[in-house]
Amino acid sequence: MLDVDKKTFEEEVLQAEGYVLVDFWGKSCEPCKALMPHVEELENKYGEDVKFVKLDTSSARRLAIKQKVLGLPTITIYKGGEKVDELTKDDAKPEKIEEMIKKYI
């Protein structure tokens, strides 16, 4: 899974072709760390159809706020520079993330 930061987010997510799944996480967010292996499994399954990236919000707070990410974990799907879907906090479960991905492939 590609690590993006405030310098690469625009190019890797907002200017990317096709769908991009962004895992917004934080170093002090235990649910985020528990979820990450599941997101990586989904990347193995759907990585040909959807680009998977992760953003550590601890070093990109302003960017996260600008993207209206107000809680963690947040899994978002972008297309054409726009957010098209999102799961946050208790909704960010592996099954729900997979359902969300399937809507767009």
PDB file of N, CA and C in Angstrom:
ATOM      1  N   MET A   1       0.856  -1.174   0.000  1.00  0.00           N
ATOM      2  CA  MET A   1       0.000   0.000   0.000  1.00  0.00           C
ATOM      3  C   MET A   1       0.895   1.227   0.000  1.00  0.00           C
ATOM      4  N   LEU A   2       0.589   2.141  -0.884  1.00  0.00           N
ATOM      5  CA  LEU A   2       1.415   3.330  -1.048  1.00  0.00           C
ATOM      6  C   LEU A   2       1.178   4.310   0.096  1.00  0.00           C
ATOM      7  N   ASP A   3       2.274   4.752   0.717  1.00  0.00           N
ATOM      8  CA  ASP A   3       2.215   5.777   1.754  1.00  0.00           C
ATOM      9  C   ASP A   3       2.198   7.146   1.090  1.00  0.00           C
ATOM     10  N   VAL A   4       1.188   7.971   1.381  1.00  0.00           N
ATOM     11  CA  VAL A   4       1.185   9.330   0.851  1.00  0.00           C
ATOM     12  C   VAL A   4       1.304  10.311   2.014  1.00  0.00           C
ATOM     13  N   ASP A   5       1.720  11.522   1.696  1.00  0.00           N
ATOM     14  CA  ASP A   5       1.808  12.560   2.717  1.00  0.00           C
ATOM     15  C   ASP A   5       1.246  13.849   2.122  1.00  0.00           C
ATOM     16  N   LYS A   6       1.390  14.942   2.852  1.00  0.00           N
ATOM     17  CA  LYS A   6       0.785  16.192   2.351  1.00  0.00           C
ATOM     18  C   LYS A   6       1.392  16.652   1.039  1.00  0.00           C
ATOM     19  N   LYS A   7       2.620  16.218   0.741  1.00  0.00           N
ATOM     20  CA  LYS A   7       3.262  16.610  -0.520  1.00  0.00           C
ATOM     21  C   LYS A   7       2.791  15.749  -1.697  1.00  0.00           C
ATOM     22  N   THR A   8       2.491  14.474  -1.449  1.00  0.00           N
ATOM     23  CA  THR A   8       2.157  13.572  -2.553  1.00  0.00           C
ATOM     24  C   THR A   8       0.654  13.289  -2.691  1.00  0.00           C
ATOM     25  N   PHE A   9      -0.152  13.719  -1.724  1.00  0.00           N
ATOM     26  CA  PHE A   9      -1.590  13.426  -1.736  1.00  0.00           C
ATOM     27  C   PHE A   9      -2.265  13.915  -3.018  1.00  0.00           C
ATOM     28  N   GLU A  10      -1.990  15.161  -3.371  1.00  0.00           N
ATOM     29  CA  GLU A  10      -2.617  15.761  -4.569  1.00  0.00           C
ATOM     30  C   GLU A  10      -2.358  14.907  -5.809  1.00  0.00           C
ATOM     31  N   GLU A  11      -1.080  14.580  -6.030  1.00  0.00           N
ATOM     32  CA  GLU A  11      -0.718  13.822  -7.237  1.00  0.00           C
ATOM     33  C   GLU A  11      -1.234  12.388  -7.192  1.00  0.00           C
ATOM     34  N   GLU A  12      -1.037  11.710  -6.063  1.00  0.00           N
ATOM     35  CA  GLU A  12      -1.363  10.277  -5.973  1.00  0.00           C
ATOM     36  C   GLU A  12      -2.854   9.991  -5.798  1.00  0.00           C
ATOM     37  N   VAL A  13      -3.596  10.942  -5.250  1.00  0.00           N
ATOM     38  CA  VAL A  13      -5.018  10.712  -4.983  1.00  0.00           C
ATOM     39  C   VAL A  13      -5.895  11.608  -5.850  1.00  0.00           C
ATOM     40  N   LEU A  14      -5.740  12.905  -5.720  1.00  0.00           N
ATOM     41  CA  LEU A  14      -6.659  13.828  -6.393  1.00  0.00           C
ATOM     42  C   LEU A  14      -6.458  13.879  -7.902  1.00  0.00           C
ATOM     43  N   GLN A  15      -5.233  13.627  -8.375  1.00  0.00           N
ATOM     44  CA  GLN A  15      -4.989  13.649  -9.823  1.00  0.00           C
ATOM     45  C   GLN A  15      -4.901  12.253 -10.433  1.00  0.00           C
ATOM     46  N   ALA A  16      -5.159  11.227  -9.640  1.00  0.00           N
ATOM     47  CA  ALA A  16      -5.036   9.845 -10.132  1.00  0.00           C
ATOM     48  C   ALA A  16      -6.187   9.495 -11.077  1.00  0.00           C
ATOM     49  N   GLU A  17      -5.897   8.569 -11.978  1.00  0.00           N
ATOM     50  CA  GLU A  17      -6.935   8.039 -12.861  1.00  0.00           C
ATOM     51  C   GLU A  17      -7.681   6.953 -12.094  1.00  0.00           C
ATOM     52  N   GLY A  18      -8.978   6.851 -12.317  1.00  0.00           N
ATOM     53  CA  GLY A  18      -9.751   5.778 -11.700  1.00  0.00           C
ATOM     54  C   GLY A  18     -10.002   6.000 -10.219  1.00  0.00           C
ATOM     55  N   TYR A  19     -10.376   4.916  -9.551  1.00  0.00           N
ATOM     56  CA  TYR A  19     -10.733   4.988  -8.134  1.00  0.00           C
ATOM     57  C   TYR A  19      -9.508   4.845  -7.247  1.00  0.00           C
ATOM     58  N   VAL A  20      -9.501   5.613  -6.159  1.00  0.00           N
ATOM     59  CA  VAL A  20      -8.411   5.551  -5.185  1.00  0.00           C
ATOM     60  C   VAL A  20      -9.031   5.388  -3.799  1.00  0.00           C
ATOM     61  N   LEU A  21      -8.618   4.350  -3.092  1.00  0.00           N
ATOM     62  CA  LEU A  21      -9.050   4.159  -1.712  1.00  0.00           C
ATOM     63  C   LEU A  21      -7.973   4.732  -0.810  1.00  0.00           C
ATOM     64  N   VAL A  22      -8.367   5.616   0.102  1.00  0.00           N
ATOM     65  CA  VAL A  22      -7.423   6.210   1.040  1.00  0.00           C
ATOM     66  C   VAL A  22      -7.762   5.751   2.443  1.00  0.00           C
ATOM     67  N   ASP A  23      -6.772   5.157   3.104  1.00  0.00           N
ATOM     68  CA  ASP A  23      -6.895   4.769   4.502  1.00  0.00           C
ATOM     69  C   ASP A  23      -6.285   5.896   5.329  1.00  0.00           C
ATOM     70  N   PHE A  24      -7.147   6.725   5.939  1.00  0.00           N
ATOM     71  CA  PHE A  24      -6.675   7.778   6.837  1.00  0.00           C
ATOM     72  C   PHE A  24      -6.492   7.137   8.208  1.00  0.00           C
ATOM     73  N   TRP A  25      -5.296   7.193   8.731  1.00  0.00           N
ATOM     74  CA  TRP A  25      -4.999   6.545  10.006  1.00  0.00           C
ATOM     75  C   TRP A  25      -4.060   7.440  10.821  1.00  0.00           C
ATOM     76  N   GLY A  26      -3.833   7.047  12.063  1.00  0.00           N
ATOM     77  CA  GLY A  26      -2.926   7.796  12.919  1.00  0.00           C
ATOM     78  C   GLY A  26      -2.111   6.858  13.790  1.00  0.00           C
ATOM     79  N   LYS A  27      -0.904   7.267  14.122  1.00  0.00           N
ATOM     80  CA  LYS A  27      -0.005   6.408  14.918  1.00  0.00           C
ATOM     81  C   LYS A  27      -0.592   6.046  16.280  1.00  0.00           C
ATOM     82  N   SER A  28      -1.407   6.937  16.861  1.00  0.00           N
ATOM     83  CA  SER A  28      -1.960   6.657  18.191  1.00  0.00           C
ATOM     84  C   SER A  28      -3.360   6.048  18.112  1.00  0.00           C
ATOM     85  N   CYS A  29      -3.809   5.704  16.913  1.00  0.00           N
ATOM     86  CA  CYS A  29      -5.154   5.140  16.724  1.00  0.00           C
ATOM     87  C   CYS A  29      -5.073   3.613  16.661  1.00  0.00           C
ATOM     88  N   GLU A  30      -5.405   2.969  17.775  1.00  0.00           N
ATOM     89  CA  GLU A  30      -5.331   1.496  17.825  1.00  0.00           C
ATOM     90  C   GLU A  30      -6.305   0.835  16.841  1.00  0.00           C
ATOM     91  N   PRO A  31      -7.564   1.315  16.737  1.00  0.00           N
ATOM     92  CA  PRO A  31      -8.465   0.702  15.737  1.00  0.00           C
ATOM     93  C   PRO A  31      -7.913   0.799  14.316  1.00  0.00           C
ATOM     94  N   CYS A  32      -7.201   1.910  14.026  1.00  0.00           N
ATOM     95  CA  CYS A  32      -6.595   2.075  12.688  1.00  0.00           C
ATOM     96  C   CYS A  32      -5.559   0.982  12.440  1.00  0.00           C
ATOM     97  N   LYS A  33      -4.711   0.759  13.445  1.00  0.00           N
ATOM     98  CA  LYS A  33      -3.643  -0.233  13.284  1.00  0.00           C
ATOM     99  C   LYS A  33      -4.214  -1.642  13.174  1.00  0.00           C
ATOM    100  N   ALA A  34      -5.315  -1.889  13.886  1.00  0.00           N
ATOM    101  CA  ALA A  34      -5.960  -3.205  13.817  1.00  0.00           C
ATOM    102  C   ALA A  34      -6.605  -3.425  12.452  1.00  0.00           C
ATOM    103  N   LEU A  35      -7.091  -2.336  11.843  1.00  0.00           N
ATOM    104  CA  LEU A  35      -7.790  -2.433  10.559  1.00  0.00           C
ATOM    105  C   LEU A  35      -6.828  -2.581   9.377  1.00  0.00           C
ATOM    106  N   MET A  36      -5.631  -2.036   9.504  1.00  0.00           N
ATOM    107  CA  MET A  36      -4.708  -1.961   8.368  1.00  0.00           C
ATOM    108  C   MET A  36      -4.426  -3.315   7.684  1.00  0.00           C
ATOM    109  N   PRO A  37      -4.168  -4.395   8.422  1.00  0.00           N
ATOM    110  CA  PRO A  37      -3.920  -5.677   7.723  1.00  0.00           C
ATOM    111  C   PRO A  37      -5.112  -6.098   6.854  1.00  0.00           C
ATOM    112  N   HIS A  38      -6.339  -5.785   7.297  1.00  0.00           N
ATOM    113  CA  HIS A  38      -7.531  -6.123   6.517  1.00  0.00           C
ATOM    114  C   HIS A  38      -7.585  -5.294   5.237  1.00  0.00           C
ATOM    115  N   VAL A  39      -7.218  -4.021   5.342  1.00  0.00           N
ATOM    116  CA  VAL A  39      -7.209  -3.155   4.154  1.00  0.00           C
ATOM    117  C   VAL A  39      -6.145  -3.653   3.176  1.00  0.00           C
ATOM    118  N   GLU A  40      -4.998  -4.085   3.717  1.00  0.00           N
ATOM    119  CA  GLU A  40      -3.942  -4.618   2.848  1.00  0.00           C
ATOM    120  C   GLU A  40      -4.394  -5.894   2.151  1.00  0.00           C
ATOM    121  N   GLU A  41      -5.185  -6.730   2.845  1.00  0.00           N
ATOM    122  CA  GLU A  41      -5.748  -7.929   2.202  1.00  0.00           C
ATOM    123  C   GLU A  41      -6.676  -7.536   1.058  1.00  0.00           C
ATOM    124  N   LEU A  42      -7.489  -6.506   1.302  1.00  0.00           N
ATOM    125  CA  LEU A  42      -8.398  -6.033   0.251  1.00  0.00           C
ATOM    126  C   LEU A  42      -7.609  -5.498  -0.936  1.00  0.00           C
ATOM    127  N   GLU A  43      -6.462  -4.883  -0.656  1.00  0.00           N
ATOM    128  CA  GLU A  43      -5.611  -4.403  -1.753  1.00  0.00           C
ATOM    129  C   GLU A  43      -5.133  -5.579  -2.598  1.00  0.00           C
ATOM    130  N   ASN A  44      -4.761  -6.680  -1.936  1.00  0.00           N
ATOM    131  CA  ASN A  44      -4.327  -7.869  -2.683  1.00  0.00           C
ATOM    132  C   ASN A  44      -5.450  -8.382  -3.583  1.00  0.00           C
ATOM    133  N   LYS A  45      -6.687  -8.253  -3.108  1.00  0.00           N
ATOM    134  CA  LYS A  45      -7.845  -8.765  -3.836  1.00  0.00           C
ATOM    135  C   LYS A  45      -8.308  -7.801  -4.945  1.00  0.00           C
ATOM    136  N   TYR A  46      -8.297  -6.488  -4.659  1.00  0.00           N
ATOM    137  CA  TYR A  46      -8.894  -5.511  -5.584  1.00  0.00           C
ATOM    138  C   TYR A  46      -7.897  -4.488  -6.135  1.00  0.00           C
ATOM    139  N   GLY A  47      -6.623  -4.682  -5.855  1.00  0.00           N
ATOM    140  CA  GLY A  47      -5.607  -3.704  -6.228  1.00  0.00           C
ATOM    141  C   GLY A  47      -5.476  -3.431  -7.714  1.00  0.00           C
ATOM    142  N   GLU A  48      -5.970  -4.350  -8.552  1.00  0.00           N
ATOM    143  CA  GLU A  48      -5.904  -4.113  -9.999  1.00  0.00           C
ATOM    144  C   GLU A  48      -6.975  -3.128 -10.437  1.00  0.00           C
ATOM    145  N   ASP A  49      -8.061  -3.028  -9.649  1.00  0.00           N
ATOM    146  CA  ASP A  49      -9.193  -2.164 -10.016  1.00  0.00           C
ATOM    147  C   ASP A  49      -9.199  -0.837  -9.265  1.00  0.00           C
ATOM    148  N   VAL A  50      -8.613  -0.832  -8.076  1.00  0.00           N
ATOM    149  CA  VAL A  50      -8.623   0.347  -7.210  1.00  0.00           C
ATOM    150  C   VAL A  50      -7.207   0.581  -6.703  1.00  0.00           C
ATOM    151  N   LYS A  51      -6.770   1.824  -6.716  1.00  0.00           N
ATOM    152  CA  LYS A  51      -5.457   2.168  -6.151  1.00  0.00           C
ATOM    153  C   LYS A  51      -5.621   2.345  -4.642  1.00  0.00           C
ATOM    154  N   PHE A  52      -4.750   1.725  -3.869  1.00  0.00           N
ATOM    155  CA  PHE A  52      -4.827   1.800  -2.409  1.00  0.00           C
ATOM    156  C   PHE A  52      -3.676   2.650  -1.875  1.00  0.00           C
ATOM    157  N   VAL A  53      -4.015   3.650  -1.051  1.00  0.00           N
ATOM    158  CA  VAL A  53      -2.986   4.464  -0.404  1.00  0.00           C
ATOM    159  C   VAL A  53      -3.370   4.675   1.061  1.00  0.00           C
ATOM    160  N   LYS A  54      -2.376   5.027   1.862  1.00  0.00           N
ATOM    161  CA  LYS A  54      -2.665   5.344   3.267  1.00  0.00           C
ATOM    162  C   LYS A  54      -1.995   6.655   3.623  1.00  0.00           C
ATOM    163  N   LEU A  55      -2.668   7.404   4.489  1.00  0.00           N
ATOM    164  CA  LEU A  55      -2.163   8.702   4.922  1.00  0.00           C
ATOM    165  C   LEU A  55      -2.172   8.744   6.443  1.00  0.00           C
ATOM    166  N   ASP A  56      -0.998   8.942   7.016  1.00  0.00           N
ATOM    167  CA  ASP A  56      -0.871   9.100   8.469  1.00  0.00           C
ATOM    168  C   ASP A  56      -1.256  10.539   8.804  1.00  0.00           C
ATOM    169  N   THR A  57      -2.414  10.704   9.427  1.00  0.00           N
ATOM    170  CA  THR A  57      -2.921  12.050   9.691  1.00  0.00           C
ATOM    171  C   THR A  57      -2.148  12.756  10.805  1.00  0.00           C
ATOM    172  N   SER A  58      -1.345  12.025  11.585  1.00  0.00           N
ATOM    173  CA  SER A  58      -0.575  12.705  12.648  1.00  0.00           C
ATOM    174  C   SER A  58       0.408  13.698  12.057  1.00  0.00           C
ATOM    175  N   SER A  59       0.859  13.450  10.823  1.00  0.00           N
ATOM    176  CA  SER A  59       1.792  14.392  10.206  1.00  0.00           C
ATOM    177  C   SER A  59       1.135  15.184   9.074  1.00  0.00           C
ATOM    178  N   ALA A  60      -0.192  15.083   8.963  1.00  0.00           N
ATOM    179  CA  ALA A  60      -0.903  15.808   7.899  1.00  0.00           C
ATOM    180  C   ALA A  60      -2.285  16.232   8.397  1.00  0.00           C
ATOM    181  N   ARG A  61      -2.323  16.826   9.582  1.00  0.00           N
ATOM    182  CA  ARG A  61      -3.620  17.199  10.185  1.00  0.00           C
ATOM    183  C   ARG A  61      -4.417  18.168   9.325  1.00  0.00           C
ATOM    184  N   ARG A  62      -3.741  19.203   8.821  1.00  0.00           N
ATOM    185  CA  ARG A  62      -4.462  20.199   8.006  1.00  0.00           C
ATOM    186  C   ARG A  62      -5.074  19.569   6.768  1.00  0.00           C
ATOM    187  N   LEU A  63      -4.312  18.679   6.137  1.00  0.00           N
ATOM    188  CA  LEU A  63      -4.811  17.992   4.947  1.00  0.00           C
ATOM    189  C   LEU A  63      -6.037  17.155   5.307  1.00  0.00           C
ATOM    190  N   ALA A  64      -5.966  16.427   6.423  1.00  0.00           N
ATOM    191  CA  ALA A  64      -7.101  15.596   6.853  1.00  0.00           C
ATOM    192  C   ALA A  64      -8.336  16.472   7.099  1.00  0.00           C
ATOM    193  N   ILE A  65      -8.148  17.602   7.761  1.00  0.00           N
ATOM    194  CA  ILE A  65      -9.271  18.500   8.035  1.00  0.00           C
ATOM    195  C   ILE A  65      -9.835  19.052   6.723  1.00  0.00           C
ATOM    196  N   LYS A  66      -8.940  19.420   5.815  1.00  0.00           N
ATOM    197  CA  LYS A  66      -9.370  19.926   4.501  1.00  0.00           C
ATOM    198  C   LYS A  66     -10.198  18.877   3.753  1.00  0.00           C
ATOM    199  N   GLN A  67      -9.845  17.598   3.951  1.00  0.00           N
ATOM    200  CA  GLN A  67     -10.583  16.507   3.307  1.00  0.00           C
ATOM    201  C   GLN A  67     -11.800  16.082   4.140  1.00  0.00           C
ATOM    202  N   LYS A  68     -12.088  16.858   5.194  1.00  0.00           N
ATOM    203  CA  LYS A  68     -13.229  16.608   6.086  1.00  0.00           C
ATOM    204  C   LYS A  68     -13.150  15.260   6.784  1.00  0.00           C
ATOM    205  N   VAL A  69     -11.937  14.858   7.126  1.00  0.00           N
ATOM    206  CA  VAL A  69     -11.736  13.639   7.907  1.00  0.00           C
ATOM    207  C   VAL A  69     -11.686  14.079   9.359  1.00  0.00           C
ATOM    208  N   LEU A  70     -12.756  13.792  10.081  1.00  0.00           N
ATOM    209  CA  LEU A  70     -12.877  14.295  11.444  1.00  0.00           C
ATOM    210  C   LEU A  70     -12.751  13.202  12.494  1.00  0.00           C
ATOM    211  N   GLY A  71     -12.703  11.951  12.068  1.00  0.00           N
ATOM    212  CA  GLY A  71     -12.526  10.846  13.009  1.00  0.00           C
ATOM    213  C   GLY A  71     -11.713   9.755  12.354  1.00  0.00           C
ATOM    214  N   LEU A  72     -11.118   8.912  13.170  1.00  0.00           N
ATOM    215  CA  LEU A  72     -10.305   7.803  12.652  1.00  0.00           C
ATOM    216  C   LEU A  72     -10.807   6.492  13.237  1.00  0.00           C
ATOM    217  N   PRO A  73     -10.642   5.388  12.513  1.00  0.00           N
ATOM    218  CA  PRO A  73     -10.163   5.325  11.129  1.00  0.00           C
ATOM    219  C   PRO A  73     -11.223   5.840  10.145  1.00  0.00           C
ATOM    220  N   THR A  74     -10.745   6.362   9.027  1.00  0.00           N
ATOM    221  CA  THR A  74     -11.628   6.766   7.933  1.00  0.00           C
ATOM    222  C   THR A  74     -11.088   6.147   6.647  1.00  0.00           C
ATOM    223  N   ILE A  75     -11.963   5.448   5.943  1.00  0.00           N
ATOM    224  CA  ILE A  75     -11.623   4.855   4.646  1.00  0.00           C
ATOM    225  C   ILE A  75     -12.469   5.587   3.607  1.00  0.00           C
ATOM    226  N   THR A  76     -11.801   6.188   2.638  1.00  0.00           N
ATOM    227  CA  THR A  76     -12.488   7.025   1.655  1.00  0.00           C
ATOM    228  C   THR A  76     -12.151   6.566   0.246  1.00  0.00           C
ATOM    229  N   ILE A  77     -13.130   6.677  -0.636  1.00  0.00           N
ATOM    230  CA  ILE A  77     -12.875   6.403  -2.050  1.00  0.00           C
ATOM    231  C   ILE A  77     -13.003   7.716  -2.819  1.00  0.00           C
ATOM    232  N   TYR A  78     -11.987   7.984  -3.638  1.00  0.00           N
ATOM    233  CA  TYR A  78     -11.950   9.185  -4.479  1.00  0.00           C
ATOM    234  C   TYR A  78     -12.010   8.769  -5.941  1.00  0.00           C
ATOM    235  N   LYS A  79     -12.592   9.652  -6.748  1.00  0.00           N
ATOM    236  CA  LYS A  79     -12.555   9.481  -8.207  1.00  0.00           C
ATOM    237  C   LYS A  79     -12.533  10.868  -8.805  1.00  0.00           C
ATOM    238  N   GLY A  80     -11.590  11.110  -9.699  1.00  0.00           N
ATOM    239  CA  GLY A  80     -11.509  12.401 -10.363  1.00  0.00           C
ATOM    240  C   GLY A  80     -11.298  13.561  -9.387  1.00  0.00           C
ATOM    241  N   GLY A  81     -10.572  13.296  -8.313  1.00  0.00           N
ATOM    242  CA  GLY A  81     -10.274  14.345  -7.348  1.00  0.00           C
ATOM    243  C   GLY A  81     -11.379  14.615  -6.339  1.00  0.00           C
ATOM    244  N   GLU A  82     -12.487  13.880  -6.447  1.00  0.00           N
ATOM    245  CA  GLU A  82     -13.624  14.086  -5.546  1.00  0.00           C
ATOM    246  C   GLU A  82     -13.842  12.859  -4.669  1.00  0.00           C
ATOM    247  N   LYS A  83     -14.254  13.110  -3.441  1.00  0.00           N
ATOM    248  CA  LYS A  83     -14.613  12.025  -2.529  1.00  0.00           C
ATOM    249  C   LYS A  83     -15.965  11.483  -2.975  1.00  0.00           C
ATOM    250  N   VAL A  84     -16.048  10.167  -3.230  1.00  0.00           N
ATOM    251  CA  VAL A  84     -17.317   9.594  -3.667  1.00  0.00           C
ATOM    252  C   VAL A  84     -17.961   8.712  -2.608  1.00  0.00           C
ATOM    253  N   ASP A  85     -17.173   8.261  -1.630  1.00  0.00           N
ATOM    254  CA  ASP A  85     -17.730   7.412  -0.578  1.00  0.00           C
ATOM    255  C   ASP A  85     -16.780   7.410   0.609  1.00  0.00           C
ATOM    256  N   GLU A  86     -17.342   7.070   1.793  1.00  0.00           N
ATOM    257  CA  GLU A  86     -16.510   7.124   2.984  1.00  0.00           C
ATOM    258  C   GLU A  86     -17.122   6.278   4.093  1.00  0.00           C
ATOM    259  N   LEU A  87     -16.245   5.640   4.844  1.00  0.00           N
ATOM    260  CA  LEU A  87     -16.638   4.930   6.070  1.00  0.00           C
ATOM    261  C   LEU A  87     -15.763   5.467   7.194  1.00  0.00           C
ATOM    262  N   THR A  88     -16.380   5.766   8.336  1.00  0.00           N
ATOM    263  CA  THR A  88     -15.626   6.347   9.448  1.00  0.00           C
ATOM    264  C   THR A  88     -15.910   5.598  10.748  1.00  0.00           C
ATOM    265  N   LYS A  89     -14.910   5.587  11.599  1.00  0.00           N
ATOM    266  CA  LYS A  89     -14.986   5.047  12.960  1.00  0.00           C
ATOM    267  C   LYS A  89     -15.603   3.660  12.971  1.00  0.00           C
ATOM    268  N   ASP A  90     -16.758   3.489  13.648  1.00  0.00           N
ATOM    269  CA  ASP A  90     -17.358   2.162  13.825  1.00  0.00           C
ATOM    270  C   ASP A  90     -17.821   1.530  12.521  1.00  0.00           C
ATOM    271  N   ASP A  91     -18.069   2.353  11.493  1.00  0.00           N
ATOM    272  CA  ASP A  91     -18.489   1.802  10.197  1.00  0.00           C
ATOM    273  C   ASP A  91     -17.316   1.253   9.398  1.00  0.00           C
ATOM    274  N   ALA A  92     -16.095   1.624   9.775  1.00  0.00           N
ATOM    275  CA  ALA A  92     -14.902   1.191   9.024  1.00  0.00           C
ATOM    276  C   ALA A  92     -14.516  -0.230   9.438  1.00  0.00           C
ATOM    277  N   LYS A  93     -15.307  -1.184   8.970  1.00  0.00           N
ATOM    278  CA  LYS A  93     -15.074  -2.603   9.253  1.00  0.00           C
ATOM    279  C   LYS A  93     -14.703  -3.289   7.934  1.00  0.00           C
ATOM    280  N   PRO A  94     -13.886  -4.346   7.998  1.00  0.00           N
ATOM    281  CA  PRO A  94     -13.449  -5.004   6.749  1.00  0.00           C
ATOM    282  C   PRO A  94     -14.592  -5.347   5.794  1.00  0.00           C
ATOM    283  N   GLU A  95     -15.702  -5.891   6.326  1.00  0.00           N
ATOM    284  CA  GLU A  95     -16.819  -6.298   5.447  1.00  0.00           C
ATOM    285  C   GLU A  95     -17.422  -5.078   4.761  1.00  0.00           C
ATOM    286  N   LYS A  96     -17.608  -3.997   5.522  1.00  0.00           N
ATOM    287  CA  LYS A  96     -18.222  -2.799   4.947  1.00  0.00           C
ATOM    288  C   LYS A  96     -17.297  -2.144   3.932  1.00  0.00           C
ATOM    289  N   ILE A  97     -15.986  -2.197   4.192  1.00  0.00           N
ATOM    290  CA  ILE A  97     -15.024  -1.627   3.241  1.00  0.00           C
ATOM    291  C   ILE A  97     -15.090  -2.407   1.933  1.00  0.00           C
ATOM    292  N   GLU A  98     -15.161  -3.727   2.041  1.00  0.00           N
ATOM    293  CA  GLU A  98     -15.233  -4.551   0.837  1.00  0.00           C
ATOM    294  C   GLU A  98     -16.523  -4.262   0.063  1.00  0.00           C
ATOM    295  N   GLU A  99     -17.652  -4.120   0.776  1.00  0.00           N
ATOM    296  CA  GLU A  99     -18.915  -3.774   0.110  1.00  0.00           C
ATOM    297  C   GLU A  99     -18.786  -2.444  -0.629  1.00  0.00           C
ATOM    298  N   MET A 100     -18.139  -1.466   0.027  1.00  0.00           N
ATOM    299  CA  MET A 100     -17.962  -0.146  -0.579  1.00  0.00           C
ATOM    300  C   MET A 100     -17.122  -0.257  -1.849  1.00  0.00           C
ATOM    301  N   ILE A 101     -16.040  -1.024  -1.803  1.00  0.00           N
ATOM    302  CA  ILE A 101     -15.178  -1.203  -2.983  1.00  0.00           C
ATOM    303  C   ILE A 101     -15.981  -1.827  -4.121  1.00  0.00           C
ATOM    304  N   LYS A 102     -16.776  -2.839  -3.807  1.00  0.00           N
ATOM    305  CA  LYS A 102     -17.529  -3.564  -4.840  1.00  0.00           C
ATOM    306  C   LYS A 102     -18.533  -2.667  -5.571  1.00  0.00           C
ATOM    307  N   LYS A 103     -18.984  -1.596  -4.911  1.00  0.00           N
ATOM    308  CA  LYS A 103     -19.927  -0.678  -5.578  1.00  0.00           C
ATOM    309  C   LYS A 103     -19.270   0.022  -6.765  1.00  0.00           C
ATOM    310  N   TYR A 104     -17.924   0.126  -6.752  1.00  0.00           N
ATOM    311  CA  TYR A 104     -17.246   0.959  -7.746  1.00  0.00           C
ATOM    312  C   TYR A 104     -16.420   0.186  -8.758  1.00  0.00           C
ATOM    313  N   ILE A 105     -16.408  -1.131  -8.650  1.00  0.00           N
ATOM    314  CA  ILE A 105     -15.591  -1.881  -9.627  1.00  0.00           C
ATOM    315  C   ILE A 105     -16.480  -2.676 -10.567  1.00  0.00           C
TER     316      ILE A 105
END
